[in-house]
N, C-alpha and C. Protein backbone atom coordinates (compact mmCIF):
# COMPACT_ATOMS: atom_id res chain seq x y z
N MET A 1 -8.90 15.57 -0.91
CA MET A 1 -7.68 15.70 -0.14
C MET A 1 -8.03 16.38 1.18
N LYS A 2 -7.58 15.80 2.28
CA LYS A 2 -7.87 16.36 3.59
C LYS A 2 -7.04 17.61 3.84
N GLY A 3 -7.46 18.38 4.83
CA GLY A 3 -6.69 19.57 5.19
C GLY A 3 -7.02 20.78 4.34
N THR A 4 -8.11 20.70 3.59
CA THR A 4 -8.45 21.81 2.71
C THR A 4 -9.15 22.93 3.48
N SER A 5 -9.13 24.12 2.90
CA SER A 5 -9.63 25.32 3.55
C SER A 5 -10.31 26.21 2.52
N ALA A 6 -11.15 27.11 2.98
CA ALA A 6 -11.79 28.08 2.10
C ALA A 6 -10.96 29.37 2.01
N ALA A 7 -9.79 29.40 2.61
CA ALA A 7 -8.94 30.60 2.58
C ALA A 7 -8.60 30.98 1.14
N ALA A 8 -8.55 32.28 0.89
CA ALA A 8 -8.25 32.78 -0.46
C ALA A 8 -6.75 32.94 -0.71
N THR A 9 -5.97 33.04 0.35
CA THR A 9 -4.52 33.22 0.21
C THR A 9 -3.80 32.31 1.21
N PRO A 10 -2.54 32.01 0.95
CA PRO A 10 -1.79 31.25 1.95
C PRO A 10 -1.76 31.95 3.31
N GLU A 11 -1.67 33.26 3.31
CA GLU A 11 -1.64 34.01 4.57
C GLU A 11 -2.92 33.78 5.37
N GLU A 12 -4.08 33.81 4.69
CA GLU A 12 -5.35 33.54 5.37
C GLU A 12 -5.37 32.11 5.92
N TYR A 13 -4.84 31.19 5.16
CA TYR A 13 -4.77 29.79 5.59
C TYR A 13 -3.98 29.68 6.89
N PHE A 14 -2.78 30.27 6.91
CA PHE A 14 -1.94 30.20 8.09
C PHE A 14 -2.57 30.92 9.28
N ASP A 15 -3.17 32.09 9.02
CA ASP A 15 -3.79 32.87 10.09
C ASP A 15 -4.94 32.12 10.77
N ALA A 16 -5.60 31.22 10.04
CA ALA A 16 -6.73 30.48 10.59
C ALA A 16 -6.30 29.31 11.49
N LEU A 17 -5.03 28.99 11.49
CA LEU A 17 -4.53 27.87 12.29
C LEU A 17 -4.20 28.31 13.71
N ASP A 18 -4.34 27.39 14.64
CA ASP A 18 -3.94 27.63 16.02
C ASP A 18 -2.47 27.27 16.19
N GLU A 19 -1.85 27.86 17.20
CA GLU A 19 -0.48 27.48 17.55
C GLU A 19 -0.53 26.12 18.25
N PRO A 20 0.45 25.29 18.15
CA PRO A 20 1.73 25.53 17.50
C PRO A 20 1.73 25.25 15.99
N ARG A 21 0.61 24.73 15.49
CA ARG A 21 0.57 24.34 14.07
C ARG A 21 0.83 25.52 13.15
N ARG A 22 0.28 26.70 13.49
CA ARG A 22 0.51 27.88 12.65
C ARG A 22 2.00 28.15 12.48
N GLY A 23 2.72 28.17 13.57
CA GLY A 23 4.16 28.43 13.51
C GLY A 23 4.91 27.37 12.72
N GLU A 24 4.49 26.12 12.84
CA GLU A 24 5.16 25.05 12.10
C GLU A 24 4.94 25.19 10.60
N LEU A 25 3.71 25.48 10.20
CA LEU A 25 3.46 25.65 8.76
C LEU A 25 4.11 26.92 8.22
N LEU A 26 4.16 27.97 9.03
CA LEU A 26 4.86 29.18 8.59
C LEU A 26 6.35 28.90 8.39
N ARG A 27 6.94 28.09 9.26
CA ARG A 27 8.36 27.73 9.08
C ARG A 27 8.55 26.96 7.78
N LEU A 28 7.62 26.06 7.47
CA LEU A 28 7.70 25.32 6.20
C LEU A 28 7.52 26.25 5.01
N HIS A 29 6.56 27.17 5.13
CA HIS A 29 6.34 28.16 4.07
C HIS A 29 7.62 28.96 3.82
N GLU A 30 8.23 29.44 4.89
CA GLU A 30 9.47 30.21 4.75
C GLU A 30 10.60 29.36 4.15
N LEU A 31 10.66 28.10 4.53
CA LEU A 31 11.67 27.20 3.98
C LEU A 31 11.46 27.03 2.47
N ILE A 32 10.24 26.78 2.06
CA ILE A 32 9.93 26.61 0.64
C ILE A 32 10.29 27.87 -0.13
N ARG A 33 9.93 29.02 0.40
CA ARG A 33 10.23 30.29 -0.29
C ARG A 33 11.74 30.52 -0.37
N ALA A 34 12.49 30.10 0.65
CA ALA A 34 13.94 30.31 0.66
C ALA A 34 14.66 29.38 -0.32
N VAL A 35 14.26 28.12 -0.38
CA VAL A 35 15.00 27.17 -1.22
C VAL A 35 14.49 27.11 -2.65
N ALA A 36 13.27 27.60 -2.88
CA ALA A 36 12.69 27.56 -4.23
C ALA A 36 11.90 28.84 -4.49
N PRO A 37 12.60 29.98 -4.54
CA PRO A 37 11.91 31.27 -4.66
C PRO A 37 11.10 31.44 -5.94
N ARG A 38 11.40 30.68 -6.98
CA ARG A 38 10.64 30.84 -8.22
C ARG A 38 9.29 30.12 -8.18
N LEU A 39 9.04 29.31 -7.14
CA LEU A 39 7.75 28.65 -7.00
C LEU A 39 6.77 29.63 -6.36
N THR A 40 5.89 30.17 -7.16
CA THR A 40 4.95 31.19 -6.71
C THR A 40 3.91 30.61 -5.75
N PRO A 41 3.73 31.22 -4.56
CA PRO A 41 2.71 30.74 -3.64
C PRO A 41 1.30 31.05 -4.16
N THR A 42 0.39 30.14 -3.93
CA THR A 42 -0.99 30.29 -4.35
C THR A 42 -1.86 29.41 -3.46
N MET A 43 -3.15 29.52 -3.58
CA MET A 43 -4.06 28.58 -2.92
C MET A 43 -4.65 27.70 -4.01
N GLU A 44 -4.45 26.41 -3.89
CA GLU A 44 -5.00 25.45 -4.84
C GLU A 44 -5.63 24.31 -4.06
N PHE A 45 -6.87 24.01 -4.37
CA PHE A 45 -7.56 22.88 -3.75
C PHE A 45 -7.57 23.00 -2.23
N GLY A 46 -7.71 24.25 -1.73
CA GLY A 46 -7.82 24.50 -0.31
C GLY A 46 -6.52 24.39 0.47
N MET A 47 -5.38 24.37 -0.23
CA MET A 47 -4.08 24.26 0.43
C MET A 47 -3.12 25.30 -0.13
N PRO A 48 -2.17 25.78 0.67
CA PRO A 48 -1.11 26.60 0.10
C PRO A 48 -0.30 25.73 -0.87
N GLY A 49 -0.15 26.23 -2.08
CA GLY A 49 0.60 25.51 -3.10
C GLY A 49 1.71 26.39 -3.65
N TYR A 50 2.68 25.76 -4.27
CA TYR A 50 3.86 26.47 -4.77
C TYR A 50 4.23 25.89 -6.13
N GLY A 51 4.27 26.74 -7.16
CA GLY A 51 4.67 26.28 -8.49
C GLY A 51 3.56 25.59 -9.25
N THR A 52 2.66 26.35 -9.84
CA THR A 52 1.55 25.79 -10.60
C THR A 52 2.01 25.32 -11.98
N TYR A 53 1.47 24.19 -12.41
CA TYR A 53 1.73 23.70 -13.77
C TYR A 53 0.45 23.14 -14.37
N HIS A 54 0.41 23.11 -15.69
CA HIS A 54 -0.72 22.54 -16.42
C HIS A 54 -0.29 21.18 -16.96
N TYR A 55 -1.09 20.15 -16.68
CA TYR A 55 -0.74 18.82 -17.17
C TYR A 55 -1.74 18.36 -18.23
N ARG A 56 -1.27 17.51 -19.10
CA ARG A 56 -2.13 16.90 -20.12
C ARG A 56 -1.67 15.46 -20.30
N TYR A 57 -2.58 14.52 -20.03
CA TYR A 57 -2.26 13.10 -20.18
C TYR A 57 -2.54 12.64 -21.61
N ALA A 58 -1.98 11.51 -21.98
CA ALA A 58 -2.21 10.93 -23.31
C ALA A 58 -3.69 10.66 -23.55
N SER A 59 -4.44 10.42 -22.48
CA SER A 59 -5.88 10.15 -22.59
C SER A 59 -6.67 11.40 -22.96
N GLY A 60 -6.03 12.57 -22.88
CA GLY A 60 -6.71 13.82 -23.15
C GLY A 60 -7.10 14.57 -21.89
N ARG A 61 -7.08 13.89 -20.75
CA ARG A 61 -7.40 14.54 -19.48
C ARG A 61 -6.33 15.59 -19.20
N GLU A 62 -6.77 16.76 -18.72
CA GLU A 62 -5.83 17.82 -18.39
C GLU A 62 -6.35 18.65 -17.24
N GLY A 63 -5.46 19.41 -16.64
CA GLY A 63 -5.83 20.26 -15.52
C GLY A 63 -4.62 21.00 -14.99
N ASP A 64 -4.82 21.67 -13.87
CA ASP A 64 -3.75 22.43 -13.22
C ASP A 64 -3.48 21.81 -11.86
N TRP A 65 -2.23 21.83 -11.46
CA TRP A 65 -1.84 21.29 -10.16
C TRP A 65 -0.62 22.07 -9.67
N VAL A 66 -0.16 21.77 -8.49
CA VAL A 66 1.01 22.44 -7.93
C VAL A 66 2.14 21.45 -7.71
N LEU A 67 3.34 21.94 -7.79
CA LEU A 67 4.52 21.11 -7.59
C LEU A 67 4.69 20.73 -6.12
N VAL A 68 4.42 21.69 -5.23
CA VAL A 68 4.55 21.48 -3.79
C VAL A 68 3.31 22.07 -3.12
N ALA A 69 2.80 21.41 -2.08
CA ALA A 69 1.66 21.94 -1.33
C ALA A 69 1.82 21.57 0.14
N LEU A 70 1.20 22.36 1.00
CA LEU A 70 1.17 22.12 2.45
C LEU A 70 -0.26 21.92 2.89
N ALA A 71 -0.46 21.09 3.90
CA ALA A 71 -1.80 20.95 4.48
C ALA A 71 -1.67 20.66 5.97
N SER A 72 -2.54 21.28 6.74
CA SER A 72 -2.63 21.00 8.17
C SER A 72 -3.84 20.10 8.36
N ASN A 73 -3.59 18.88 8.77
CA ASN A 73 -4.65 17.92 9.04
C ASN A 73 -4.82 17.76 10.54
N LYS A 74 -5.85 17.06 10.95
CA LYS A 74 -6.13 16.93 12.38
C LYS A 74 -4.93 16.38 13.15
N LYS A 75 -4.31 15.32 12.65
CA LYS A 75 -3.24 14.67 13.39
C LYS A 75 -1.86 14.85 12.78
N HIS A 76 -1.77 15.48 11.62
CA HIS A 76 -0.46 15.61 11.00
C HIS A 76 -0.39 16.79 10.03
N ILE A 77 0.83 17.09 9.64
CA ILE A 77 1.12 18.06 8.59
C ILE A 77 1.48 17.26 7.35
N SER A 78 0.99 17.69 6.20
CA SER A 78 1.33 17.03 4.94
C SER A 78 2.13 17.97 4.06
N LEU A 79 3.20 17.45 3.50
CA LEU A 79 3.97 18.15 2.47
C LEU A 79 3.83 17.32 1.20
N HIS A 80 3.09 17.84 0.23
CA HIS A 80 2.86 17.15 -1.04
C HIS A 80 3.93 17.61 -2.03
N VAL A 81 4.57 16.65 -2.69
CA VAL A 81 5.63 16.95 -3.65
C VAL A 81 5.38 16.08 -4.88
N THR A 82 5.02 16.71 -6.00
CA THR A 82 4.59 15.93 -7.17
C THR A 82 5.69 15.70 -8.20
N ALA A 83 6.93 15.81 -7.79
CA ALA A 83 8.05 15.61 -8.73
C ALA A 83 8.46 14.14 -8.80
N VAL A 84 8.91 13.75 -9.98
CA VAL A 84 9.48 12.43 -10.22
C VAL A 84 10.88 12.65 -10.78
N VAL A 85 11.86 11.99 -10.18
CA VAL A 85 13.25 12.13 -10.63
C VAL A 85 13.78 10.73 -10.96
N GLU A 86 14.28 10.58 -12.16
CA GLU A 86 14.82 9.31 -12.64
C GLU A 86 13.82 8.17 -12.43
N GLY A 87 12.56 8.44 -12.74
CA GLY A 87 11.52 7.42 -12.67
C GLY A 87 11.00 7.09 -11.29
N GLN A 88 11.44 7.80 -10.26
CA GLN A 88 11.00 7.53 -8.90
C GLN A 88 10.36 8.78 -8.30
N TYR A 89 9.23 8.56 -7.60
CA TYR A 89 8.61 9.68 -6.90
C TYR A 89 9.61 10.25 -5.90
N LEU A 90 9.79 11.55 -5.95
CA LEU A 90 10.81 12.20 -5.13
C LEU A 90 10.58 11.96 -3.64
N ALA A 91 9.35 12.12 -3.17
CA ALA A 91 9.07 11.92 -1.74
C ALA A 91 9.49 10.52 -1.30
N GLU A 92 9.14 9.52 -2.07
CA GLU A 92 9.49 8.13 -1.71
C GLU A 92 10.99 7.92 -1.64
N SER A 93 11.73 8.61 -2.47
CA SER A 93 13.18 8.40 -2.50
C SER A 93 13.88 8.91 -1.24
N TYR A 94 13.17 9.68 -0.42
CA TYR A 94 13.74 10.22 0.82
C TYR A 94 13.26 9.48 2.07
N ARG A 95 12.58 8.37 1.89
CA ARG A 95 12.01 7.63 3.03
C ARG A 95 13.07 7.33 4.10
N ASP A 96 14.24 6.88 3.71
CA ASP A 96 15.28 6.52 4.68
C ASP A 96 15.82 7.73 5.44
N ARG A 97 15.72 8.91 4.85
CA ARG A 97 16.27 10.10 5.50
C ARG A 97 15.24 10.82 6.38
N LEU A 98 13.99 10.33 6.35
CA LEU A 98 12.92 10.90 7.18
C LEU A 98 12.23 9.75 7.93
N PRO A 99 12.94 9.08 8.82
CA PRO A 99 12.40 7.86 9.44
C PRO A 99 11.17 8.07 10.32
N LYS A 100 10.93 9.27 10.81
CA LYS A 100 9.78 9.50 11.68
C LYS A 100 8.58 10.06 10.92
N ALA A 101 8.68 10.11 9.60
CA ALA A 101 7.57 10.58 8.76
C ALA A 101 6.91 9.39 8.09
N SER A 102 5.65 9.55 7.78
CA SER A 102 4.92 8.57 6.96
C SER A 102 5.00 9.09 5.53
N ILE A 103 5.48 8.27 4.61
CA ILE A 103 5.73 8.75 3.26
C ILE A 103 5.01 7.89 2.24
N GLY A 104 4.22 8.55 1.38
CA GLY A 104 3.58 7.90 0.26
C GLY A 104 4.29 8.30 -1.02
N LYS A 105 3.68 8.04 -2.14
CA LYS A 105 4.32 8.34 -3.42
C LYS A 105 4.70 9.82 -3.54
N SER A 106 3.79 10.70 -3.16
CA SER A 106 4.09 12.13 -3.30
C SER A 106 3.66 12.93 -2.07
N CYS A 107 3.61 12.28 -0.92
CA CYS A 107 3.19 12.97 0.30
C CYS A 107 4.06 12.55 1.48
N ILE A 108 4.50 13.55 2.22
CA ILE A 108 5.30 13.34 3.43
C ILE A 108 4.46 13.85 4.59
N ARG A 109 4.13 12.96 5.55
CA ARG A 109 3.29 13.31 6.69
C ARG A 109 4.06 13.14 7.99
N PHE A 110 3.86 14.11 8.90
CA PHE A 110 4.50 14.04 10.20
C PHE A 110 3.63 14.81 11.18
N SER A 111 3.66 14.39 12.46
CA SER A 111 2.79 15.01 13.45
C SER A 111 3.33 16.33 13.98
N ARG A 112 4.66 16.46 14.00
CA ARG A 112 5.29 17.70 14.47
C ARG A 112 6.53 17.97 13.64
N LEU A 113 6.80 19.21 13.43
CA LEU A 113 7.96 19.62 12.64
C LEU A 113 9.27 19.13 13.27
N ALA A 114 9.30 19.02 14.59
CA ALA A 114 10.51 18.58 15.29
C ALA A 114 10.90 17.14 14.94
N LEU A 115 9.99 16.38 14.34
CA LEU A 115 10.26 14.98 14.01
C LEU A 115 10.97 14.79 12.67
N VAL A 116 11.13 15.87 11.92
CA VAL A 116 11.76 15.76 10.60
C VAL A 116 12.94 16.72 10.50
N ASP A 117 13.85 16.39 9.64
CA ASP A 117 15.04 17.21 9.41
C ASP A 117 14.69 18.28 8.37
N LEU A 118 14.70 19.55 8.80
CA LEU A 118 14.35 20.64 7.89
C LEU A 118 15.31 20.74 6.72
N ASP A 119 16.57 20.40 6.92
CA ASP A 119 17.52 20.43 5.81
C ASP A 119 17.12 19.42 4.73
N VAL A 120 16.63 18.26 5.15
CA VAL A 120 16.19 17.25 4.19
C VAL A 120 14.93 17.73 3.46
N LEU A 121 13.99 18.32 4.19
CA LEU A 121 12.79 18.86 3.53
C LEU A 121 13.17 19.94 2.53
N GLY A 122 14.12 20.80 2.90
CA GLY A 122 14.59 21.83 1.98
C GLY A 122 15.21 21.22 0.73
N GLU A 123 15.98 20.16 0.91
CA GLU A 123 16.60 19.48 -0.23
C GLU A 123 15.53 18.89 -1.16
N ILE A 124 14.49 18.33 -0.57
CA ILE A 124 13.39 17.76 -1.37
C ILE A 124 12.72 18.85 -2.20
N VAL A 125 12.38 19.96 -1.57
CA VAL A 125 11.71 21.05 -2.28
C VAL A 125 12.62 21.64 -3.36
N ARG A 126 13.88 21.83 -3.04
CA ARG A 126 14.84 22.36 -4.01
C ARG A 126 14.96 21.42 -5.22
N THR A 127 15.02 20.14 -4.97
CA THR A 127 15.11 19.15 -6.04
C THR A 127 13.82 19.14 -6.86
N ALA A 128 12.68 19.21 -6.19
CA ALA A 128 11.40 19.25 -6.90
C ALA A 128 11.33 20.46 -7.82
N ALA A 129 11.79 21.61 -7.34
CA ALA A 129 11.75 22.83 -8.15
C ALA A 129 12.61 22.69 -9.41
N ALA A 130 13.64 21.87 -9.33
CA ALA A 130 14.52 21.66 -10.48
C ALA A 130 13.99 20.58 -11.43
N HIS A 131 12.95 19.83 -11.00
CA HIS A 131 12.42 18.72 -11.80
C HIS A 131 10.89 18.73 -11.86
N PRO A 132 10.26 19.83 -12.29
CA PRO A 132 8.79 19.81 -12.38
C PRO A 132 8.35 18.82 -13.45
N PRO A 133 7.20 18.15 -13.26
CA PRO A 133 6.74 17.17 -14.25
C PRO A 133 6.32 17.81 -15.56
N TYR A 134 5.93 19.06 -15.52
CA TYR A 134 5.53 19.85 -16.69
C TYR A 134 6.08 21.25 -16.49
N PRO A 135 6.17 22.07 -17.54
CA PRO A 135 6.63 23.45 -17.35
C PRO A 135 5.73 24.21 -16.38
N LEU A 136 6.34 24.98 -15.49
CA LEU A 136 5.56 25.78 -14.54
C LEU A 136 4.91 26.94 -15.27
N THR A 137 3.70 27.30 -14.83
CA THR A 137 2.97 28.41 -15.46
C THR A 137 3.14 29.68 -14.67
């Protein structure tokens, strides 16, 4: 996954960024903390993550992942959201409400925070926090 860092804490991750990207990711961090305070911030896979859970597939494969994560990439900011609601990836279900973002199954990418509606991003994170794929640890 691109945008990874050797930072030990989300604060170190944000501090290592240049402006204006630092300010944009800090605004997203504050938004996530405000709308989903029970999602504990951590560093996972080189990105600030929120809400760790342990997964186990029918195949026996298992591991730990986060419900929401942020990444600063060269050309864009990524908001990863691993929730599925009513059989649909949550990020994909908001495609029409974020027309200036590039949206995959569980990733929302945009070049600048001004291109997306923060209220919609807050709604996505709030909904994800209410629908984790596995119990949060």
